C-alpha cells in the first residue's frame, strides 16, 4: 500500500524533480494518522507525476497559506533525517529567494 505525505512550499518551482533533496513532510497514511501534525525532515526524490517515479508514494503539496495543489506529486523517501536540522526553518524552500 502506498503511503501519503504532505508538504508545504512557497512555489511549485521550489520542488526539485529527480534529485535528492531535503524536505519537511507530514505523514497522512491512515494507519499513522497519529503523526498527522508531526513534521519530520527527510532526504527524498520527488516527481511531478506518478509515471515519473512509479515506486514512489503520494505527496500532497500545499502553499505556505494552506492552499492545496490539485494534483499530487510523488515522493520516494530515502532517509529520515529527524525532526530538526541546523539552519533556518523551511530553508529548503525559502533559502536565497525574495518575496514576490
C-alpha atoms as a PDB file:
ATOM      1  CA  UNK A   1       0.000   0.000   0.000  1.00  0.00           C
ATOM      2  CA  UNK A   2       1.306   3.393  -0.943  1.00  0.00           C
ATOM      3  CA  UNK A   3       1.779   5.937   1.806  1.00  0.00           C
ATOM      4  CA  UNK A   4       0.581   9.528   1.670  1.00  0.00           C
ATOM      5  CA  UNK A   5       2.521  12.571   2.794  1.00  0.00           C
ATOM      6  CA  UNK A   6       2.007  16.337   2.767  1.00  0.00           C
ATOM      7  CA  UNK A   7       4.455  19.209   2.416  1.00  0.00           C
ATOM      8  CA  UNK A   8       4.209  22.980   2.331  1.00  0.00           C
ATOM      9  CA  UNK A   9       6.108  25.045  -0.213  1.00  0.00           C
ATOM     10  CA  UNK A  10       6.331  28.648  -1.334  1.00  0.00           C
ATOM     11  CA  UNK A  11       6.016  27.732  -5.032  1.00  0.00           C
ATOM     12  CA  UNK A  12       5.895  24.506  -7.046  1.00  0.00           C
ATOM     13  CA  UNK A  13       9.085  25.606  -8.785  1.00  0.00           C
ATOM     14  CA  UNK A  14      10.848  25.209  -5.418  1.00  0.00           C
ATOM     15  CA  UNK A  15      10.310  21.432  -5.583  1.00  0.00           C
ATOM     16  CA  UNK A  16      13.206  19.856  -7.461  1.00  0.00           C
ATOM     17  CA  UNK A  17      12.429  16.778  -9.527  1.00  0.00           C
ATOM     18  CA  UNK A  18      14.644  13.705  -9.881  1.00  0.00           C
ATOM     19  CA  UNK A  19      17.365  14.809  -7.477  1.00  0.00           C
ATOM     20  CA  UNK A  20      17.974  14.156  -3.808  1.00  0.00           C
ATOM     21  CA  UNK A  21      16.528  16.923  -1.690  1.00  0.00           C
ATOM     22  CA  UNK A  22      15.760  17.554   1.973  1.00  0.00           C
ATOM     23  CA  UNK A  23      12.085  18.181   2.600  1.00  0.00           C
ATOM     24  CA  UNK A  24       9.825  18.659   5.616  1.00  0.00           C
ATOM     25  CA  UNK A  25       6.848  16.295   5.361  1.00  0.00           C
ATOM     26  CA  UNK A  26       3.879  15.086   7.379  1.00  0.00           C
ATOM     27  CA  UNK A  27       2.517  11.526   7.332  1.00  0.00           C
ATOM     28  CA  UNK A  28      -1.092  11.215   6.149  1.00  0.00           C
ATOM     29  CA  UNK A  29      -1.312   7.442   5.740  1.00  0.00           C
ATOM     30  CA  UNK A  30      -4.399   6.175   7.621  1.00  0.00           C
ATOM     31  CA  UNK A  31      -2.518   3.703   9.818  1.00  0.00           C
ATOM     32  CA  UNK A  32      -0.250   6.512  11.009  1.00  0.00           C
ATOM     33  CA  UNK A  33      -2.810   9.313  11.488  1.00  0.00           C
ATOM     34  CA  UNK A  34      -1.477   9.937  14.999  1.00  0.00           C
ATOM     35  CA  UNK A  35       1.510  11.630  13.334  1.00  0.00           C
ATOM     36  CA  UNK A  36      -0.653  13.846  11.124  1.00  0.00           C
ATOM     37  CA  UNK A  37       0.600  17.005  12.788  1.00  0.00           C
ATOM     38  CA  UNK A  38       4.164  15.855  13.443  1.00  0.00           C
ATOM     39  CA  UNK A  39       6.602  17.001  10.821  1.00  0.00           C
ATOM     40  CA  UNK A  40       9.865  15.309  10.008  1.00  0.00           C
ATOM     41  CA  UNK A  41      12.683  16.091   7.678  1.00  0.00           C
ATOM     42  CA  UNK A  42      13.592  13.527   5.052  1.00  0.00           C
ATOM     43  CA  UNK A  43      16.005  13.081   2.206  1.00  0.00           C
ATOM     44  CA  UNK A  44      13.847  12.219  -0.804  1.00  0.00           C
ATOM     45  CA  UNK A  45      13.458  12.171  -4.555  1.00  0.00           C
ATOM     46  CA  UNK A  46      10.389  13.943  -5.979  1.00  0.00           C
ATOM     47  CA  UNK A  47       8.450  13.750  -9.227  1.00  0.00           C
ATOM     48  CA  UNK A  48       5.512  15.764 -10.514  1.00  0.00           C
ATOM     49  CA  UNK A  49       3.651  12.729 -11.888  1.00  0.00           C
ATOM     50  CA  UNK A  50       3.291   9.039 -10.902  1.00  0.00           C
ATOM     51  CA  UNK A  51       4.736   7.744 -14.189  1.00  0.00           C
ATOM     52  CA  UNK A  52       8.000   9.586 -13.456  1.00  0.00           C
ATOM     53  CA  UNK A  53       8.534   7.711 -10.165  1.00  0.00           C
ATOM     54  CA  UNK A  54       6.373   4.543 -10.273  1.00  0.00           C
ATOM     55  CA  UNK A  55       7.612   3.106  -6.971  1.00  0.00           C
ATOM     56  CA  UNK A  56       7.011   6.353  -5.074  1.00  0.00           C
ATOM     57  CA  UNK A  57       4.364   7.377  -2.560  1.00  0.00           C
ATOM     58  CA  UNK A  58       1.801  10.178  -2.850  1.00  0.00           C
ATOM     59  CA  UNK A  59       2.898  13.695  -1.848  1.00  0.00           C
ATOM     60  CA  UNK A  60       0.189  16.321  -1.415  1.00  0.00           C
ATOM     61  CA  UNK A  61       1.547  19.847  -1.847  1.00  0.00           C
ATOM     62  CA  UNK A  62       0.164  22.926  -0.099  1.00  0.00           C
ATOM     63  CA  UNK A  63       1.176  26.574  -0.277  1.00  0.00           C
ATOM     64  CA  UNK A  64       2.505  28.269   2.866  1.00  0.00           C
ATOM     65  CA  UNK A  65      -1.046  29.522   3.462  1.00  0.00           C
ATOM     66  CA  UNK A  66      -2.532  26.037   3.118  1.00  0.00           C
ATOM     67  CA  UNK A  67      -3.950  26.068  -0.416  1.00  0.00           C
ATOM     68  CA  UNK A  68      -3.900  22.502  -1.765  1.00  0.00           C
ATOM     69  CA  UNK A  69      -2.341  21.967  -5.198  1.00  0.00           C
ATOM     70  CA  UNK A  70      -4.932  19.999  -7.223  1.00  0.00           C
ATOM     71  CA  UNK A  71      -2.592  17.234  -8.431  1.00  0.00           C
ATOM     72  CA  UNK A  72      -0.398  15.251  -6.042  1.00  0.00           C
ATOM     73  CA  UNK A  73       3.311  14.779  -6.587  1.00  0.00           C
ATOM     74  CA  UNK A  74       5.248  11.594  -5.929  1.00  0.00           C
ATOM     75  CA  UNK A  75       7.916  11.081  -3.254  1.00  0.00           C
ATOM     76  CA  UNK A  76      10.424   8.345  -2.558  1.00  0.00           C
ATOM     77  CA  UNK A  77      11.824   8.763   0.950  1.00  0.00           C
ATOM     78  CA  UNK A  78      15.489   7.750   1.075  1.00  0.00           C
ATOM     79  CA  UNK A  79      16.281   8.623   4.696  1.00  0.00           C
ATOM     80  CA  UNK A  80      14.614  10.041   7.782  1.00  0.00           C
ATOM     81  CA  UNK A  81      16.707  12.996   8.956  1.00  0.00           C
ATOM     82  CA  UNK A  82      14.730  13.505  12.161  1.00  0.00           C
ATOM     83  CA  UNK A  83      12.592  16.307  13.490  1.00  0.00           C
ATOM     84  CA  UNK A  84      15.175  19.078  13.399  1.00  0.00           C
ATOM     85  CA  UNK A  85      18.136  20.171  11.307  1.00  0.00           C
ATOM     86  CA  UNK A  86      20.540  23.049  11.864  1.00  0.00           C
ATOM     87  CA  UNK A  87      19.816  26.202   9.858  1.00  0.00           C
ATOM     88  CA  UNK A  88      16.797  28.326   9.097  1.00  0.00           C
ATOM     89  CA  UNK A  89      13.240  26.958   9.305  1.00  0.00           C
ATOM     90  CA  UNK A  90      11.992  25.625   5.963  1.00  0.00           C
ATOM     91  CA  UNK A  91      15.273  26.623   4.315  1.00  0.00           C
ATOM     92  CA  UNK A  92      14.756  24.043   1.589  1.00  0.00           C
ATOM     93  CA  UNK A  93      12.059  26.266   0.070  1.00  0.00           C
ATOM     94  CA  UNK A  94      12.916  29.756   1.271  1.00  0.00           C
ATOM     95  CA  UNK A  95      16.696  29.990   1.006  1.00  0.00           C
ATOM     96  CA  UNK A  96      18.043  32.726  -1.296  1.00  0.00           C
ATOM     97  CA  UNK A  97      14.633  33.823  -2.533  1.00  0.00           C
ATOM     98  CA  UNK A  98      12.877  37.138  -2.469  1.00  0.00           C
ATOM     99  CA  UNK A  99       9.176  37.502  -1.773  1.00  0.00           C
ATOM    100  CA  UNK A 100       7.083  38.124  -4.852  1.00  0.00           C
END
